[in-house]
């Protein structure tokens, strides 16, 4: 029996790992020096199959951390999503998978063959403080050759229109991709959480408290979000069958 609080569920997100090769000051995650956690690929795939048997899922997203530090897991999830007929199969990545062009090409080829059809590339002033741009552009070039739909997905501070040093640097970085013909997507606005609340507090105004625009209405769950440790809703897929988690969920 379907849970009425999940009646509008249509999207599944997997935060594949807490590990990241960047040290972005706007990151919603906490201490980058903590021991990384990675989602169990089989548990993720099994949960995906089960949920899709109950609800009309139209989108699957993988992100992190940096998800392509675990490319086999990402590809397993999207290959399953394609087999299940899920229309949109998204990856959000900083594109810094290697400095070796052959390694970069292999990962892009694997993404293409697994069925990824919406690649969101995080490039902006925050990412490029610690992530070199050249291998990211190499990654983007291989994605174009493989005909993977790709968009730039920058993080904006305050708003996309705001004139501050970070947004100015982001616009400069985006211009380096113009010759490649890659669309600049909507991106996202940095919100006060994690490291952003520590390092960018001055931009959020006085008496700011931690918040996120991505919080779900607990009475109307539309997107099921799996954390790297297996947590989802009020359960954990390493410990409890996803069917039991879904059926027992209450706001």
C-alpha atoms as a PDB file:
ATOM      1  CA  UNK A   1       0.000   0.000   0.000  1.00  0.00           C
ATOM      2  CA  UNK A   2       1.292   3.455  -0.920  1.00  0.00           C
ATOM      3  CA  UNK A   3       1.872   5.958   1.850  1.00  0.00           C
ATOM      4  CA  UNK A   4      -0.432   9.031   1.457  1.00  0.00           C
ATOM      5  CA  UNK A   5       2.398  11.325   2.600  1.00  0.00           C
ATOM      6  CA  UNK A   6       4.388  10.154  -0.437  1.00  0.00           C
ATOM      7  CA  UNK A   7       1.554  10.328  -2.937  1.00  0.00           C
ATOM      8  CA  UNK A   8       3.336  12.996  -5.030  1.00  0.00           C
ATOM      9  CA  UNK A   9       6.753  11.351  -4.918  1.00  0.00           C
ATOM     10  CA  UNK A  10       8.364  11.589  -8.368  1.00  0.00           C
ATOM     11  CA  UNK A  11      12.075  12.146  -7.783  1.00  0.00           C
ATOM     12  CA  UNK A  12      14.949  10.262  -6.126  1.00  0.00           C
ATOM     13  CA  UNK A  13      18.272  11.787  -5.122  1.00  0.00           C
ATOM     14  CA  UNK A  14      21.394   9.937  -4.015  1.00  0.00           C
ATOM     15  CA  UNK A  15      24.127  11.800  -2.182  1.00  0.00           C
ATOM     16  CA  UNK A  16      26.765   9.289  -3.227  1.00  0.00           C
ATOM     17  CA  UNK A  17      29.625  10.313  -0.954  1.00  0.00           C
ATOM     18  CA  UNK A  18      30.718  12.935   1.529  1.00  0.00           C
ATOM     19  CA  UNK A  19      34.225  12.835   0.006  1.00  0.00           C
ATOM     20  CA  UNK A  20      35.215  15.793  -2.142  1.00  0.00           C
ATOM     21  CA  UNK A  21      38.331  17.018  -3.933  1.00  0.00           C
ATOM     22  CA  UNK A  22      37.359  20.645  -3.402  1.00  0.00           C
ATOM     23  CA  UNK A  23      37.323  22.758  -0.253  1.00  0.00           C
ATOM     24  CA  UNK A  24      34.637  25.251  -1.160  1.00  0.00           C
ATOM     25  CA  UNK A  25      33.796  27.858   1.446  1.00  0.00           C
ATOM     26  CA  UNK A  26      30.145  27.926   0.360  1.00  0.00           C
ATOM     27  CA  UNK A  27      29.618  24.186   0.916  1.00  0.00           C
ATOM     28  CA  UNK A  28      26.591  23.149   2.951  1.00  0.00           C
ATOM     29  CA  UNK A  29      28.546  20.223   4.348  1.00  0.00           C
ATOM     30  CA  UNK A  30      30.648  20.511   7.452  1.00  0.00           C
ATOM     31  CA  UNK A  31      34.305  19.726   8.113  1.00  0.00           C
ATOM     32  CA  UNK A  32      36.025  18.625   4.860  1.00  0.00           C
ATOM     33  CA  UNK A  33      38.599  16.766   6.954  1.00  0.00           C
ATOM     34  CA  UNK A  34      36.094  14.280   8.373  1.00  0.00           C
ATOM     35  CA  UNK A  35      36.243  10.606   7.375  1.00  0.00           C
ATOM     36  CA  UNK A  36      34.304  10.239   4.092  1.00  0.00           C
ATOM     37  CA  UNK A  37      31.238   8.035   3.827  1.00  0.00           C
ATOM     38  CA  UNK A  38      30.093   6.349   0.597  1.00  0.00           C
ATOM     39  CA  UNK A  39      26.687   4.909  -0.197  1.00  0.00           C
ATOM     40  CA  UNK A  40      26.463   1.164  -0.750  1.00  0.00           C
ATOM     41  CA  UNK A  41      25.883   0.688  -4.481  1.00  0.00           C
ATOM     42  CA  UNK A  42      23.827  -2.502  -4.204  1.00  0.00           C
ATOM     43  CA  UNK A  43      21.616  -1.072  -1.468  1.00  0.00           C
ATOM     44  CA  UNK A  44      21.065   2.072  -3.552  1.00  0.00           C
ATOM     45  CA  UNK A  45      20.180   0.138  -6.700  1.00  0.00           C
ATOM     46  CA  UNK A  46      17.872  -2.246  -4.818  1.00  0.00           C
ATOM     47  CA  UNK A  47      16.090   0.687  -3.174  1.00  0.00           C
ATOM     48  CA  UNK A  48      15.733   2.416  -6.532  1.00  0.00           C
ATOM     49  CA  UNK A  49      14.107  -0.638  -8.088  1.00  0.00           C
ATOM     50  CA  UNK A  50      11.708  -1.039  -5.177  1.00  0.00           C
ATOM     51  CA  UNK A  51      10.622   2.596  -5.030  1.00  0.00           C
ATOM     52  CA  UNK A  52      10.070   2.693  -8.796  1.00  0.00           C
ATOM     53  CA  UNK A  53       7.775  -0.291  -8.452  1.00  0.00           C
ATOM     54  CA  UNK A  54       5.486   1.779  -6.224  1.00  0.00           C
ATOM     55  CA  UNK A  55       5.772   5.386  -7.397  1.00  0.00           C
ATOM     56  CA  UNK A  56       6.016   7.084 -10.834  1.00  0.00           C
ATOM     57  CA  UNK A  57       9.612   8.303 -10.578  1.00  0.00           C
ATOM     58  CA  UNK A  58      10.627  10.595 -13.439  1.00  0.00           C
ATOM     59  CA  UNK A  59      14.006  11.886 -12.193  1.00  0.00           C
ATOM     60  CA  UNK A  60      17.059  10.380 -10.535  1.00  0.00           C
ATOM     61  CA  UNK A  61      19.948  12.572  -9.429  1.00  0.00           C
ATOM     62  CA  UNK A  62      23.395  11.710  -8.059  1.00  0.00           C
ATOM     63  CA  UNK A  63      25.529  14.279  -6.287  1.00  0.00           C
ATOM     64  CA  UNK A  64      27.882  14.579  -3.307  1.00  0.00           C
ATOM     65  CA  UNK A  65      30.467  15.538  -2.055  1.00  0.00           C
ATOM     66  CA  UNK A  66      31.964  14.837  -5.423  1.00  0.00           C
ATOM     67  CA  UNK A  67      30.020  11.865  -6.839  1.00  0.00           C
ATOM     68  CA  UNK A  68      32.564  11.040  -9.554  1.00  0.00           C
ATOM     69  CA  UNK A  69      35.067  10.033  -6.893  1.00  0.00           C
ATOM     70  CA  UNK A  70      32.796   6.959  -6.927  1.00  0.00           C
ATOM     71  CA  UNK A  71      32.116   6.609 -10.672  1.00  0.00           C
ATOM     72  CA  UNK A  72      31.159   2.918 -10.561  1.00  0.00           C
ATOM     73  CA  UNK A  73      28.417   3.622  -8.031  1.00  0.00           C
ATOM     74  CA  UNK A  74      27.119   6.596 -10.013  1.00  0.00           C
ATOM     75  CA  UNK A  75      27.028   4.551 -13.214  1.00  0.00           C
ATOM     76  CA  UNK A  76      25.294   1.612 -11.509  1.00  0.00           C
ATOM     77  CA  UNK A  77      22.538   3.903 -10.263  1.00  0.00           C
ATOM     78  CA  UNK A  78      21.973   5.560 -13.647  1.00  0.00           C
ATOM     79  CA  UNK A  79      22.169   2.327 -15.597  1.00  0.00           C
ATOM     80  CA  UNK A  80      19.406   0.977 -13.359  1.00  0.00           C
ATOM     81  CA  UNK A  81      17.419   4.193 -13.774  1.00  0.00           C
ATOM     82  CA  UNK A  82      17.630   3.857 -17.554  1.00  0.00           C
ATOM     83  CA  UNK A  83      16.521   0.216 -17.383  1.00  0.00           C
ATOM     84  CA  UNK A  84      13.538   1.302 -15.292  1.00  0.00           C
ATOM     85  CA  UNK A  85      12.555   3.912 -17.869  1.00  0.00           C
ATOM     86  CA  UNK A  86      13.224   6.947 -15.695  1.00  0.00           C
ATOM     87  CA  UNK A  87      13.277   9.900 -18.073  1.00  0.00           C
ATOM     88  CA  UNK A  88      15.764  12.296 -16.474  1.00  0.00           C
ATOM     89  CA  UNK A  89      19.074  10.959 -15.143  1.00  0.00           C
ATOM     90  CA  UNK A  90      21.144  13.762 -13.608  1.00  0.00           C
ATOM     91  CA  UNK A  91      24.646  14.111 -12.211  1.00  0.00           C
ATOM     92  CA  UNK A  92      25.920  17.203 -10.412  1.00  0.00           C
ATOM     93  CA  UNK A  93      29.729  17.277 -10.505  1.00  0.00           C
ATOM     94  CA  UNK A  94      32.613  19.711 -10.241  1.00  0.00           C
ATOM     95  CA  UNK A  95      34.154  17.923 -13.242  1.00  0.00           C
ATOM     96  CA  UNK A  96      37.536  17.436 -11.581  1.00  0.00           C
ATOM     97  CA  UNK A  97      37.821  13.672 -11.948  1.00  0.00           C
ATOM     98  CA  UNK A  98      41.505  13.472 -12.891  1.00  0.00           C
ATOM     99  CA  UNK A  99      44.349  15.376 -14.529  1.00  0.00           C
ATOM    100  CA  UNK A 100      44.916  12.429 -16.876  1.00  0.00           C
ATOM    101  CA  UNK A 101      42.957  12.911 -20.139  1.00  0.00           C
ATOM    102  CA  UNK A 102      42.650   9.149 -20.666  1.00  0.00           C
ATOM    103  CA  UNK A 103      41.122   8.703 -17.218  1.00  0.00           C
ATOM    104  CA  UNK A 104      38.790  11.635 -17.796  1.00  0.00           C
ATOM    105  CA  UNK A 105      37.675  10.222 -21.142  1.00  0.00           C
ATOM    106  CA  UNK A 106      36.965   6.811 -19.599  1.00  0.00           C
ATOM    107  CA  UNK A 107      34.787   8.242 -16.851  1.00  0.00           C
ATOM    108  CA  UNK A 108      32.846  10.347 -19.357  1.00  0.00           C
ATOM    109  CA  UNK A 109      32.406   7.317 -21.612  1.00  0.00           C
ATOM    110  CA  UNK A 110      31.094   5.281 -18.671  1.00  0.00           C
ATOM    111  CA  UNK A 111      28.642   8.045 -17.777  1.00  0.00           C
ATOM    112  CA  UNK A 112      27.393   8.157 -21.344  1.00  0.00           C
ATOM    113  CA  UNK A 113      26.993   4.388 -21.579  1.00  0.00           C
ATOM    114  CA  UNK A 114      25.173   4.263 -18.230  1.00  0.00           C
ATOM    115  CA  UNK A 115      22.526   6.630 -19.580  1.00  0.00           C
ATOM    116  CA  UNK A 116      23.273   9.976 -17.908  1.00  0.00           C
ATOM    117  CA  UNK A 117      21.346  12.584 -19.891  1.00  0.00           C
ATOM    118  CA  UNK A 118      21.632  15.736 -17.784  1.00  0.00           C
ATOM    119  CA  UNK A 119      25.108  16.721 -16.629  1.00  0.00           C
ATOM    120  CA  UNK A 120      25.295  19.746 -14.332  1.00  0.00           C
ATOM    121  CA  UNK A 121      28.813  21.149 -14.064  1.00  0.00           C
ATOM    122  CA  UNK A 122      29.536  23.189 -10.938  1.00  0.00           C
ATOM    123  CA  UNK A 123      31.900  25.976 -11.963  1.00  0.00           C
ATOM    124  CA  UNK A 124      32.079  29.286 -10.131  1.00  0.00           C
ATOM    125  CA  UNK A 125      34.258  31.446  -7.903  1.00  0.00           C
ATOM    126  CA  UNK A 126      33.876  29.050  -4.990  1.00  0.00           C
ATOM    127  CA  UNK A 127      34.812  25.825  -6.768  1.00  0.00           C
ATOM    128  CA  UNK A 128      37.668  27.397  -8.689  1.00  0.00           C
ATOM    129  CA  UNK A 129      39.368  28.612  -5.513  1.00  0.00           C
ATOM    130  CA  UNK A 130      40.687  25.054  -5.083  1.00  0.00           C
ATOM    131  CA  UNK A 131      39.797  23.205  -8.309  1.00  0.00           C
ATOM    132  CA  UNK A 132      41.895  23.840 -11.461  1.00  0.00           C
ATOM    133  CA  UNK A 133      39.845  24.877 -14.473  1.00  0.00           C
ATOM    134  CA  UNK A 134      41.821  23.111 -17.224  1.00  0.00           C
ATOM    135  CA  UNK A 135      40.887  19.493 -16.349  1.00  0.00           C
ATOM    136  CA  UNK A 136      37.293  20.614 -15.821  1.00  0.00           C
ATOM    137  CA  UNK A 137      37.209  22.027 -19.348  1.00  0.00           C
ATOM    138  CA  UNK A 138      38.750  18.796 -20.625  1.00  0.00           C
ATOM    139  CA  UNK A 139      35.957  16.890 -18.884  1.00  0.00           C
ATOM    140  CA  UNK A 140      33.351  19.177 -20.460  1.00  0.00           C
ATOM    141  CA  UNK A 141      34.914  18.701 -23.892  1.00  0.00           C
ATOM    142  CA  UNK A 142      34.706  14.920 -23.653  1.00  0.00           C
ATOM    143  CA  UNK A 143      31.077  15.196 -22.499  1.00  0.00           C
ATOM    144  CA  UNK A 144      30.245  17.264 -25.570  1.00  0.00           C
ATOM    145  CA  UNK A 145      31.904  14.715 -27.838  1.00  0.00           C
ATOM    146  CA  UNK A 146      29.834  11.981 -26.214  1.00  0.00           C
ATOM    147  CA  UNK A 147      26.726  14.130 -26.742  1.00  0.00           C
ATOM    148  CA  UNK A 148      25.832  14.138 -23.061  1.00  0.00           C
ATOM    149  CA  UNK A 149      23.557  17.148 -22.491  1.00  0.00           C
ATOM    150  CA  UNK A 150      25.600  19.464 -20.261  1.00  0.00           C
ATOM    151  CA  UNK A 151      24.902  22.735 -18.481  1.00  0.00           C
ATOM    152  CA  UNK A 152      27.011  24.954 -16.290  1.00  0.00           C
ATOM    153  CA  UNK A 153      25.518  25.193 -12.817  1.00  0.00           C
ATOM    154  CA  UNK A 154      27.176  28.027 -10.881  1.00  0.00           C
ATOM    155  CA  UNK A 155      26.581  29.006  -7.276  1.00  0.00           C
ATOM    156  CA  UNK A 156      25.556  32.638  -6.899  1.00  0.00           C
ATOM    157  CA  UNK A 157      25.983  34.666  -3.730  1.00  0.00           C
ATOM    158  CA  UNK A 158      22.935  36.660  -2.545  1.00  0.00           C
ATOM    159  CA  UNK A 159      21.383  36.405  -6.032  1.00  0.00           C
ATOM    160  CA  UNK A 160      22.406  35.925  -9.646  1.00  0.00           C
ATOM    161  CA  UNK A 161      22.127  39.664 -10.223  1.00  0.00           C
ATOM    162  CA  UNK A 162      23.990  40.821  -7.115  1.00  0.00           C
ATOM    163  CA  UNK A 163      27.235  42.683  -7.702  1.00  0.00           C
ATOM    164  CA  UNK A 164      29.720  41.218  -5.252  1.00  0.00           C
ATOM    165  CA  UNK A 165      33.312  39.973  -5.761  1.00  0.00           C
ATOM    166  CA  UNK A 166      32.313  36.307  -5.835  1.00  0.00           C
ATOM    167  CA  UNK A 167      29.647  36.776  -8.501  1.00  0.00           C
ATOM    168  CA  UNK A 168      32.045  38.917 -10.533  1.00  0.00           C
ATOM    169  CA  UNK A 169      34.627  36.134 -10.503  1.00  0.00           C
ATOM    170  CA  UNK A 170      31.947  33.569 -11.374  1.00  0.00           C
ATOM    171  CA  UNK A 171      30.905  35.559 -14.464  1.00  0.00           C
ATOM    172  CA  UNK A 172      34.550  35.727 -15.533  1.00  0.00           C
ATOM    173  CA  UNK A 173      34.923  31.945 -15.183  1.00  0.00           C
ATOM    174  CA  UNK A 174      31.712  31.273 -17.117  1.00  0.00           C
ATOM    175  CA  UNK A 175      32.991  33.361 -20.031  1.00  0.00           C
ATOM    176  CA  UNK A 176      35.864  30.891 -20.502  1.00  0.00           C
ATOM    177  CA  UNK A 177      33.287  28.277 -21.545  1.00  0.00           C
ATOM    178  CA  UNK A 178      31.524  30.465 -24.124  1.00  0.00           C
ATOM    179  CA  UNK A 179      33.528  29.144 -27.078  1.00  0.00           C
ATOM    180  CA  UNK A 180      32.455  25.590 -26.170  1.00  0.00           C
ATOM    181  CA  UNK A 181      28.809  26.552 -26.553  1.00  0.00           C
ATOM    182  CA  UNK A 182      27.772  25.148 -23.180  1.00  0.00           C
ATOM    183  CA  UNK A 183      24.556  26.586 -21.782  1.00  0.00           C
ATOM    184  CA  UNK A 184      24.664  28.344 -18.421  1.00  0.00           C
ATOM    185  CA  UNK A 185      21.852  26.906 -16.356  1.00  0.00           C
ATOM    186  CA  UNK A 186      19.952  28.479 -13.506  1.00  0.00           C
ATOM    187  CA  UNK A 187      22.476  27.267 -10.950  1.00  0.00           C
ATOM    188  CA  UNK A 188      21.671  27.901  -7.310  1.00  0.00           C
ATOM    189  CA  UNK A 189      21.914  30.614  -4.690  1.00  0.00           C
ATOM    190  CA  UNK A 190      24.218  29.954  -1.747  1.00  0.00           C
ATOM    191  CA  UNK A 191      22.202  29.456   1.420  1.00  0.00           C
ATOM    192  CA  UNK A 192      23.312  29.808   5.062  1.00  0.00           C
ATOM    193  CA  UNK A 193      24.335  26.310   6.059  1.00  0.00           C
ATOM    194  CA  UNK A 194      27.536  24.414   6.825  1.00  0.00           C
ATOM    195  CA  UNK A 195      30.734  26.184   5.841  1.00  0.00           C
ATOM    196  CA  UNK A 196      28.826  28.981   4.085  1.00  0.00           C
ATOM    197  CA  UNK A 197      27.407  30.104   7.403  1.00  0.00           C
ATOM    198  CA  UNK A 198      30.952  30.310   8.789  1.00  0.00           C
ATOM    199  CA  UNK A 199      32.829  31.934   5.917  1.00  0.00           C
ATOM    200  CA  UNK A 200      30.134  34.019   4.196  1.00  0.00           C
ATOM    201  CA  UNK A 201      28.040  35.157   7.144  1.00  0.00           C
ATOM    202  CA  UNK A 202      28.485  38.850   6.268  1.00  0.00           C
ATOM    203  CA  UNK A 203      26.495  38.342   3.034  1.00  0.00           C
ATOM    204  CA  UNK A 204      23.448  36.819   4.737  1.00  0.00           C
ATOM    205  CA  UNK A 205      22.474  39.780   6.915  1.00  0.00           C
ATOM    206  CA  UNK A 206      22.193  40.208  10.652  1.00  0.00           C
ATOM    207  CA  UNK A 207      20.915  37.463  12.951  1.00  0.00           C
ATOM    208  CA  UNK A 208      20.898  34.881  10.162  1.00  0.00           C
ATOM    209  CA  UNK A 209      20.124  31.294  11.120  1.00  0.00           C
ATOM    210  CA  UNK A 210      20.865  28.065   9.299  1.00  0.00           C
ATOM    211  CA  UNK A 211      18.327  27.290   6.596  1.00  0.00           C
ATOM    212  CA  UNK A 212      17.924  25.492   3.282  1.00  0.00           C
ATOM    213  CA  UNK A 213      15.561  26.125   0.342  1.00  0.00           C
ATOM    214  CA  UNK A 214      15.568  22.400  -0.368  1.00  0.00           C
ATOM    215  CA  UNK A 215      13.712  21.296   2.772  1.00  0.00           C
ATOM    216  CA  UNK A 216      10.670  19.186   1.915  1.00  0.00           C
ATOM    217  CA  UNK A 217       7.171  19.620   3.255  1.00  0.00           C
ATOM    218  CA  UNK A 218       7.116  16.600   5.616  1.00  0.00           C
ATOM    219  CA  UNK A 219       3.435  16.032   4.801  1.00  0.00           C
ATOM    220  CA  UNK A 220       4.005  16.030   1.045  1.00  0.00           C
ATOM    221  CA  UNK A 221       7.298  14.325   0.171  1.00  0.00           C
ATOM    222  CA  UNK A 222       8.031  14.790  -3.524  1.00  0.00           C
ATOM    223  CA  UNK A 223      11.727  13.924  -3.557  1.00  0.00           C
ATOM    224  CA  UNK A 224      13.271  10.976  -1.731  1.00  0.00           C
ATOM    225  CA  UNK A 225      16.831  11.834  -0.650  1.00  0.00           C
ATOM    226  CA  UNK A 226      19.288   9.091   0.283  1.00  0.00           C
ATOM    227  CA  UNK A 227      22.324  10.127   2.312  1.00  0.00           C
ATOM    228  CA  UNK A 228      25.745   8.455   1.868  1.00  0.00           C
ATOM    229  CA  UNK A 229      25.313   6.487   5.096  1.00  0.00           C
ATOM    230  CA  UNK A 230      21.997   5.073   3.863  1.00  0.00           C
ATOM    231  CA  UNK A 231      19.671   7.378   5.798  1.00  0.00           C
ATOM    232  CA  UNK A 232      16.355   8.201   4.149  1.00  0.00           C
ATOM    233  CA  UNK A 233      13.186   9.602   5.748  1.00  0.00           C
ATOM    234  CA  UNK A 234      13.375   8.232   9.318  1.00  0.00           C
ATOM    235  CA  UNK A 235      15.209   4.998   8.461  1.00  0.00           C
ATOM    236  CA  UNK A 236      18.368   3.538   6.976  1.00  0.00           C
ATOM    237  CA  UNK A 237      18.516   1.147   4.016  1.00  0.00           C
ATOM    238  CA  UNK A 238      21.523  -0.645   5.525  1.00  0.00           C
ATOM    239  CA  UNK A 239      19.363  -1.684   8.475  1.00  0.00           C
ATOM    240  CA  UNK A 240      15.740  -1.663   7.303  1.00  0.00           C
ATOM    241  CA  UNK A 241      13.999  -2.714   4.104  1.00  0.00           C
ATOM    242  CA  UNK A 242      13.028   0.341   2.043  1.00  0.00           C
ATOM    243  CA  UNK A 243       9.432  -0.939   1.861  1.00  0.00           C
ATOM    244  CA  UNK A 244       9.194  -0.784   5.652  1.00  0.00           C
ATOM    245  CA  UNK A 245      10.731   2.690   5.694  1.00  0.00           C
ATOM    246  CA  UNK A 246       8.248   3.967   3.128  1.00  0.00           C
ATOM    247  CA  UNK A 247       5.176   2.368   4.690  1.00  0.00           C
ATOM    248  CA  UNK A 248       6.010   3.455   8.254  1.00  0.00           C
ATOM    249  CA  UNK A 249       6.920   7.062   7.457  1.00  0.00           C
ATOM    250  CA  UNK A 250       4.942   9.673   9.335  1.00  0.00           C
ATOM    251  CA  UNK A 251       5.682  13.423   9.419  1.00  0.00           C
END
